[in-house]
C-alpha atoms as a PDB file:
ATOM      1  CA  MET A   1      82.984  95.611  99.144  1.00  0.00           C
ATOM      2  CA  PRO A   2      83.835  97.647  96.319  1.00  0.00           C
ATOM      3  CA  GLY A   3      87.187  99.281  95.708  1.00  0.00           C
ATOM      4  CA  TYR A   4      88.526 101.975  97.398  1.00  0.00           C
ATOM      5  CA  ILE A   5      86.776 105.372  96.815  1.00  0.00           C
ATOM      6  CA  SER A   6      88.373 108.837  97.724  1.00  0.00           C
ATOM      7  CA  ARG A   7      85.737 111.365  99.278  1.00  0.00           C
ATOM      8  CA  VAL A   8      87.635 114.174  97.170  1.00  0.00           C
ATOM      9  CA  ASP A   9      86.952 112.649  93.554  1.00  0.00           C
ATOM     10  CA  HIS A  10      84.454 109.869  94.158  1.00  0.00           C
ATOM     11  CA  GLU A  11      86.809 107.389  91.831  1.00  0.00           C
ATOM     12  CA  ALA A  12      87.766 104.020  92.522  1.00  0.00           C
ATOM     13  CA  LEU A  13      90.989 104.138  93.390  1.00  0.00           C
ATOM     14  CA  GLY A  14      93.322 100.690  92.752  1.00  0.00           C
ATOM     15  CA  GLY A  15      97.024 100.149  94.093  1.00  0.00           C
ATOM     16  CA  LEU A  16      96.970 102.027  97.230  1.00  0.00           C
ATOM     17  CA  PHE A  17      96.439  99.405  99.549  1.00  0.00           C
ATOM     18  CA  ALA A  18      97.764  95.654  99.668  1.00  0.00           C
ATOM     19  CA  TYR A  19      95.165  93.805 101.501  1.00  0.00           C
ATOM     20  CA  PRO A  20      92.443  91.708  99.434  1.00  0.00           C
ATOM     21  CA  ASP A  21      89.329  92.656 101.494  1.00  0.00           C
ATOM     22  CA  GLN A  22      90.124  95.969 100.513  1.00  0.00           C
ATOM     23  CA  THR A  23      91.005  97.687 103.839  1.00  0.00           C
ATOM     24  CA  THR A  24      93.882  99.120 105.389  1.00  0.00           C
ATOM     25  CA  GLY A  25      94.327  96.020 107.539  1.00  0.00           C
ATOM     26  CA  HIS A  26      93.313  94.811 110.620  1.00  0.00           C
ATOM     27  CA  VAL A  27      93.710  92.465 113.877  1.00  0.00           C
ATOM     28  CA  PRO A  28      91.041  90.384 114.031  1.00  0.00           C
ATOM     29  CA  ARG A  29      89.056  92.002 116.761  1.00  0.00           C
ATOM     30  CA  PRO A  30      85.604  93.735 116.017  1.00  0.00           C
ATOM     31  CA  ALA A  31      86.377  97.177 116.399  1.00  0.00           C
ATOM     32  CA  SER A  32      90.031  96.665 114.503  1.00  0.00           C
ATOM     33  CA  ILE A  33      87.735  95.291 111.787  1.00  0.00           C
ATOM     34  CA  GLU A  34      84.985  97.499 111.677  1.00  0.00           C
ATOM     35  CA  ARG A  35      87.448 100.826 111.436  1.00  0.00           C
ATOM     36  CA  ALA A  36      88.997  99.248 108.819  1.00  0.00           C
ATOM     37  CA  GLU A  37      86.081  98.545 106.605  1.00  0.00           C
ATOM     38  CA  ARG A  38      84.543 101.536 107.854  1.00  0.00           C
ATOM     39  CA  GLU A  39      87.650 104.135 106.618  1.00  0.00           C
ATOM     40  CA  ALA A  40      87.950 101.865 103.193  1.00  0.00           C
ATOM     41  CA  LEU A  41      83.978 102.159 102.249  1.00  0.00           C
ATOM     42  CA  ASP A  42      83.276 105.879 103.600  1.00  0.00           C
ATOM     43  CA  GLY A  43      86.918 107.137 101.702  1.00  0.00           C
ATOM     44  CA  THR A  44      89.321 108.309 104.665  1.00  0.00           C
ATOM     45  CA  ALA A  45      91.712 105.399 104.139  1.00  0.00           C
ATOM     46  CA  ALA A  46      92.432 106.265 100.627  1.00  0.00           C
ATOM     47  CA  ASP A  47      91.905 109.999 101.464  1.00  0.00           C
ATOM     48  CA  ARG A  48      94.873 109.438 103.540  1.00  0.00           C
ATOM     49  CA  ALA A  49      97.101 107.406 101.322  1.00  0.00           C
ATOM     50  CA  LEU A  50      96.841 110.199  98.659  1.00  0.00           C
ATOM     51  CA  ASP A  51      97.238 112.359 101.180  1.00  0.00           C
ATOM     52  CA  ILE A  52     100.558 111.412 101.888  1.00  0.00           C
ATOM     53  CA  LEU A  53     101.265 110.522  98.631  1.00  0.00           C
ATOM     54  CA  ALA A  54     100.870 114.500  98.022  1.00  0.00           C
ATOM     55  CA  ILE A  55     103.407 115.196 100.750  1.00  0.00           C
ATOM     56  CA  LEU A  56     105.658 112.576  99.731  1.00  0.00           C
ATOM     57  CA  ALA A  57     105.986 113.937  96.354  1.00  0.00           C
ATOM     58  CA  ASP A  58     107.417 117.097  97.321  1.00  0.00           C
ATOM     59  CA  GLU A  59     109.986 115.969  99.651  1.00  0.00           C
ATOM     60  CA  PRO A  60     113.212 114.078  98.207  1.00  0.00           C
ATOM     61  CA  PHE A  61     114.781 113.088 101.054  1.00  0.00           C
ATOM     62  CA  GLY A  62     111.530 111.425 102.428  1.00  0.00           C
ATOM     63  CA  LEU A  63     110.179 111.968 105.838  1.00  0.00           C
ATOM     64  CA  THR A  64     109.231 109.877 108.868  1.00  0.00           C
ATOM     65  CA  TRP A  65     106.201 108.534 110.197  1.00  0.00           C
ATOM     66  CA  ALA A  66     106.215 111.245 112.876  1.00  0.00           C
ATOM     67  CA  GLU A  67     107.157 113.847 110.207  1.00  0.00           C
ATOM     68  CA  LEU A  68     104.029 112.710 108.701  1.00  0.00           C
ATOM     69  CA  ALA A  69     101.706 112.393 111.454  1.00  0.00           C
ATOM     70  CA  ASP A  70     102.628 115.838 112.740  1.00  0.00           C
ATOM     71  CA  ARG A  71     102.077 117.366 109.150  1.00  0.00           C
ATOM     72  CA  LEU A  72      98.434 115.669 109.211  1.00  0.00           C
ATOM     73  CA  SER A  73      97.585 115.527 112.597  1.00  0.00           C
ATOM     74  CA  LEU A  74      97.423 112.341 112.734  1.00  0.00           C
ATOM     75  CA  HIS A  75      98.263 109.239 115.289  1.00  0.00           C
ATOM     76  CA  HIS A  76     101.178 106.731 114.920  1.00  0.00           C
ATOM     77  CA  GLY A  77      98.744 104.019 113.591  1.00  0.00           C
ATOM     78  CA  GLN A  78      97.435 105.653 111.476  1.00  0.00           C
ATOM     79  CA  VAL A  79     100.403 106.573 109.487  1.00  0.00           C
ATOM     80  CA  SER A  80     102.195 103.599 110.012  1.00  0.00           C
ATOM     81  CA  GLY A  81      98.680 101.686 108.442  1.00  0.00           C
ATOM     82  CA  ALA A  82      98.787 103.877 105.094  1.00  0.00           C
ATOM     83  CA  LEU A  83     102.331 103.550 104.705  1.00  0.00           C
ATOM     84  CA  SER A  84     102.951  99.918 105.527  1.00  0.00           C
ATOM     85  CA  ASN A  85     100.141  99.389 102.629  1.00  0.00           C
ATOM     86  CA  LEU A  86     101.558 102.163  99.991  1.00  0.00           C
ATOM     87  CA  HIS A  87     105.159 100.222 100.843  1.00  0.00           C
ATOM     88  CA  LYS A  88     103.750  96.941  99.984  1.00  0.00           C
ATOM     89  CA  THR A  89     102.295  98.559  96.986  1.00  0.00           C
ATOM     90  CA  ARG A  90     105.564  99.982  96.199  1.00  0.00           C
ATOM     91  CA  ARG A  91     103.824 103.407  95.886  1.00  0.00           C
ATOM     92  CA  VAL A  92     106.463 104.221  98.580  1.00  0.00           C
ATOM     93  CA  PHE A  93     110.073 103.073  99.771  1.00  0.00           C
ATOM     94  CA  MET A  94     112.041 103.432 102.588  1.00  0.00           C
ATOM     95  CA  LEU A  95     115.906 104.613 103.176  1.00  0.00           C
ATOM     96  CA  ARG A  96     117.811 102.090 105.115  1.00  0.00           C
ATOM     97  CA  GLU A  97     119.688 105.071 106.820  1.00  0.00           C
ATOM     98  CA  LYS A  98     117.844 106.293 109.792  1.00  0.00           C
ATOM     99  CA  VAL A  99     116.743 109.948 110.619  1.00  0.00           C
ATOM    100  CA  GLY A 100     117.030 110.022 114.607  1.00  0.00           C
ATOM    101  CA  ARG A 101     115.237 106.579 115.584  1.00  0.00           C
ATOM    102  CA  SER A 102     113.012 106.408 112.587  1.00  0.00           C
ATOM    103  CA  HIS A 103     113.512 105.520 108.646  1.00  0.00           C
ATOM    104  CA  PRO A 104     112.659 108.071 105.928  1.00  0.00           C
ATOM    105  CA  TYR A 105     109.906 106.906 103.206  1.00  0.00           C
ATOM    106  CA  LEU A 106     109.995 108.474  99.975  1.00  0.00           C
ATOM    107  CA  HIS A 107     107.814 108.722  96.985  1.00  0.00           C
ATOM    108  CA  GLU A 108     108.008 106.382  94.632  1.00  0.00           C
ATOM    109  CA  LYS A 109     109.080 108.716  91.780  1.00  0.00           C
ATOM    110  CA  PHE A 110     112.428 109.364  93.852  1.00  0.00           C
ATOM    111  CA  ARG A 111     113.598 105.526  93.852  1.00  0.00           C
ATOM    112  CA  THR A 112     116.143 105.879  91.028  1.00  0.00           C
ATOM    113  CA  ASP A 113     117.785 108.555  92.967  1.00  0.00           C
ATOM    114  CA  TYR A 114     118.838 106.223  95.504  1.00  0.00           C
ATOM    115  CA  ASP A 115     120.566 103.034  94.678  1.00  0.00           C
ATOM    116  CA  THR A 116     119.370  99.570  96.045  1.00  0.00           C
ATOM    117  CA  ASP A 117     121.623  99.046  98.871  1.00  0.00           C
ATOM    118  CA  GLU A 118     120.273 102.691 100.294  1.00  0.00           C
ATOM    119  CA  ARG A 119     116.661 101.963 100.283  1.00  0.00           C
ATOM    120  CA  TYR A 120     113.907  99.309 101.458  1.00  0.00           C
ATOM    121  CA  ASP A 121     111.697  98.556  98.351  1.00  0.00           C
ATOM    122  CA  ASP A 122     109.535  96.375  99.995  1.00  0.00           C
ATOM    123  CA  PRO A 123     108.322  96.174 103.926  1.00  0.00           C
ATOM    124  CA  ALA A 124     110.125  93.828 106.348  1.00  0.00           C
ATOM    125  CA  GLN A 125     107.895  90.786 106.674  1.00  0.00           C
ATOM    126  CA  THR A 126     106.948  89.122 110.142  1.00  0.00           C
ATOM    127  CA  ARG A 127     107.136  85.728 110.902  1.00  0.00           C
ATOM    128  CA  SER A 128     103.337  85.487 110.937  1.00  0.00           C
ATOM    129  CA  GLY A 129     102.950  87.557 108.312  1.00  0.00           C
ATOM    130  CA  ARG A 130     105.178  85.278 105.980  1.00  0.00           C
ATOM    131  CA  THR A 131     103.354  82.135 107.589  1.00  0.00           C
ATOM    132  CA  ARG A 132      99.931  83.539 106.348  1.00  0.00           C
ATOM    133  CA  GLU A 133     100.839  84.487 102.865  1.00  0.00           C
ATOM    134  CA  LEU A 134     102.584  81.032 102.369  1.00  0.00           C
ATOM    135  CA  GLU A 135      98.944  79.627 103.704  1.00  0.00           C
ATOM    136  CA  ARG A 136      97.178  81.712 101.242  1.00  0.00           C
ATOM    137  CA  GLN A 137      99.469  80.829  98.453  1.00  0.00           C
ATOM    138  CA  ILE A 138      98.887  76.957  99.413  1.00  0.00           C
ATOM    139  CA  ILE A 139      94.902  77.958  99.370  1.00  0.00           C
ATOM    140  CA  THR A 140      94.876  79.597  96.066  1.00  0.00           C
ATOM    141  CA  ALA A 141      96.952  76.603  94.370  1.00  0.00           C
ATOM    142  CA  LEU A 142      94.651  74.101  96.076  1.00  0.00           C
ATOM    143  CA  GLU A 143      91.538  76.325  95.344  1.00  0.00           C
ATOM    144  CA  ALA A 144      92.597  76.081  91.477  1.00  0.00           C
ATOM    145  CA  ASN A 145      93.179  72.356  91.444  1.00  0.00           C
ATOM    146  CA  HIS A 146      89.626  71.501  93.079  1.00  0.00           C
ATOM    147  CA  ARG A 147      88.080  74.204  90.408  1.00  0.00           C
ATOM    148  CA  ILE A 148      89.352  72.153  87.585  1.00  0.00           C
ATOM    149  CA  ASP A 149      88.662  68.702  88.912  1.00  0.00           C
ATOM    150  CA  ARG A 150      92.629  67.966  90.169  1.00  0.00           C
ATOM    151  CA  PRO A 151      92.043  67.107  93.906  1.00  0.00           C
ATOM    152  CA  THR A 152      95.155  66.194  96.045  1.00  0.00           C
ATOM    153  CA  GLY A 153      94.377  62.350  96.574  1.00  0.00           C
ATOM    154  CA  ASP A 154      94.352  63.088 100.329  1.00  0.00           C
ATOM    155  CA  ALA A 155      90.667  62.704 101.131  1.00  0.00           C
ATOM    156  CA  TYR A 156      90.654  64.942 104.395  1.00  0.00           C
ATOM    157  CA  ILE A 157      92.750  67.588 102.606  1.00  0.00           C
ATOM    158  CA  ASP A 158      89.990  67.493  99.771  1.00  0.00           C
ATOM    159  CA  GLN A 159      87.159  67.597 102.043  1.00  0.00           C
ATOM    160  CA  LEU A 160      88.484  70.969 103.838  1.00  0.00           C
ATOM    161  CA  VAL A 161      89.407  72.341 100.426  1.00  0.00           C
ATOM    162  CA  ARG A 162      85.741  71.670  98.959  1.00  0.00           C
ATOM    163  CA  GLN A 163      84.699  73.637 101.935  1.00  0.00           C
ATOM    164  CA  TYR A 164      86.715  76.334 102.351  1.00  0.00           C
ATOM    165  CA  ILE A 165      85.249  76.821  98.421  1.00  0.00           C
ATOM    166  CA  GLU A 166      81.635  76.439  99.369  1.00  0.00           C
ATOM    167  CA  HIS A 167      81.979  78.914 102.146  1.00  0.00           C
ATOM    168  CA  LYS A 168      83.761  81.471  99.948  1.00  0.00           C
ATOM    169  CA  GLU A 169      80.954  81.215  97.338  1.00  0.00           C
ATOM    170  CA  ASN A 170      78.293  81.938 100.295  1.00  0.00           C
END
């Protein structure tokens, strides 16, 4: 899949999204995967992220997801998905102090206006998210060792890594 393309300028846009499959993220269900891939390919996801960044660039005190959703006529999932990616890539940050029941998000250009104890620079990670990240790091390390012909010495693990590498290449 190619990099993100904005419908506005038709240029590749790096750094907007954190997921390696170049989507806004999805759950392992066909409808969710298809939506994420479609929005990545047709530019909807990139345009949504750029719209959010443009609005937040003019808001030194930030906006909550609900305020952004209202301004852009989007639902919670659309806004929170974009904010999650923008937060993971550090294009936005979140204030620790809530407005109502939500934390405001701010554009990265306002980061130095707030002390580190006033902001969340990185999004919260769920237990399953941390597990997936550790699994990804383990697989990456094992794959790198196998590519330079340095197997683990465990025949079962080595076979699984070979299968994984072959699966990725086909």
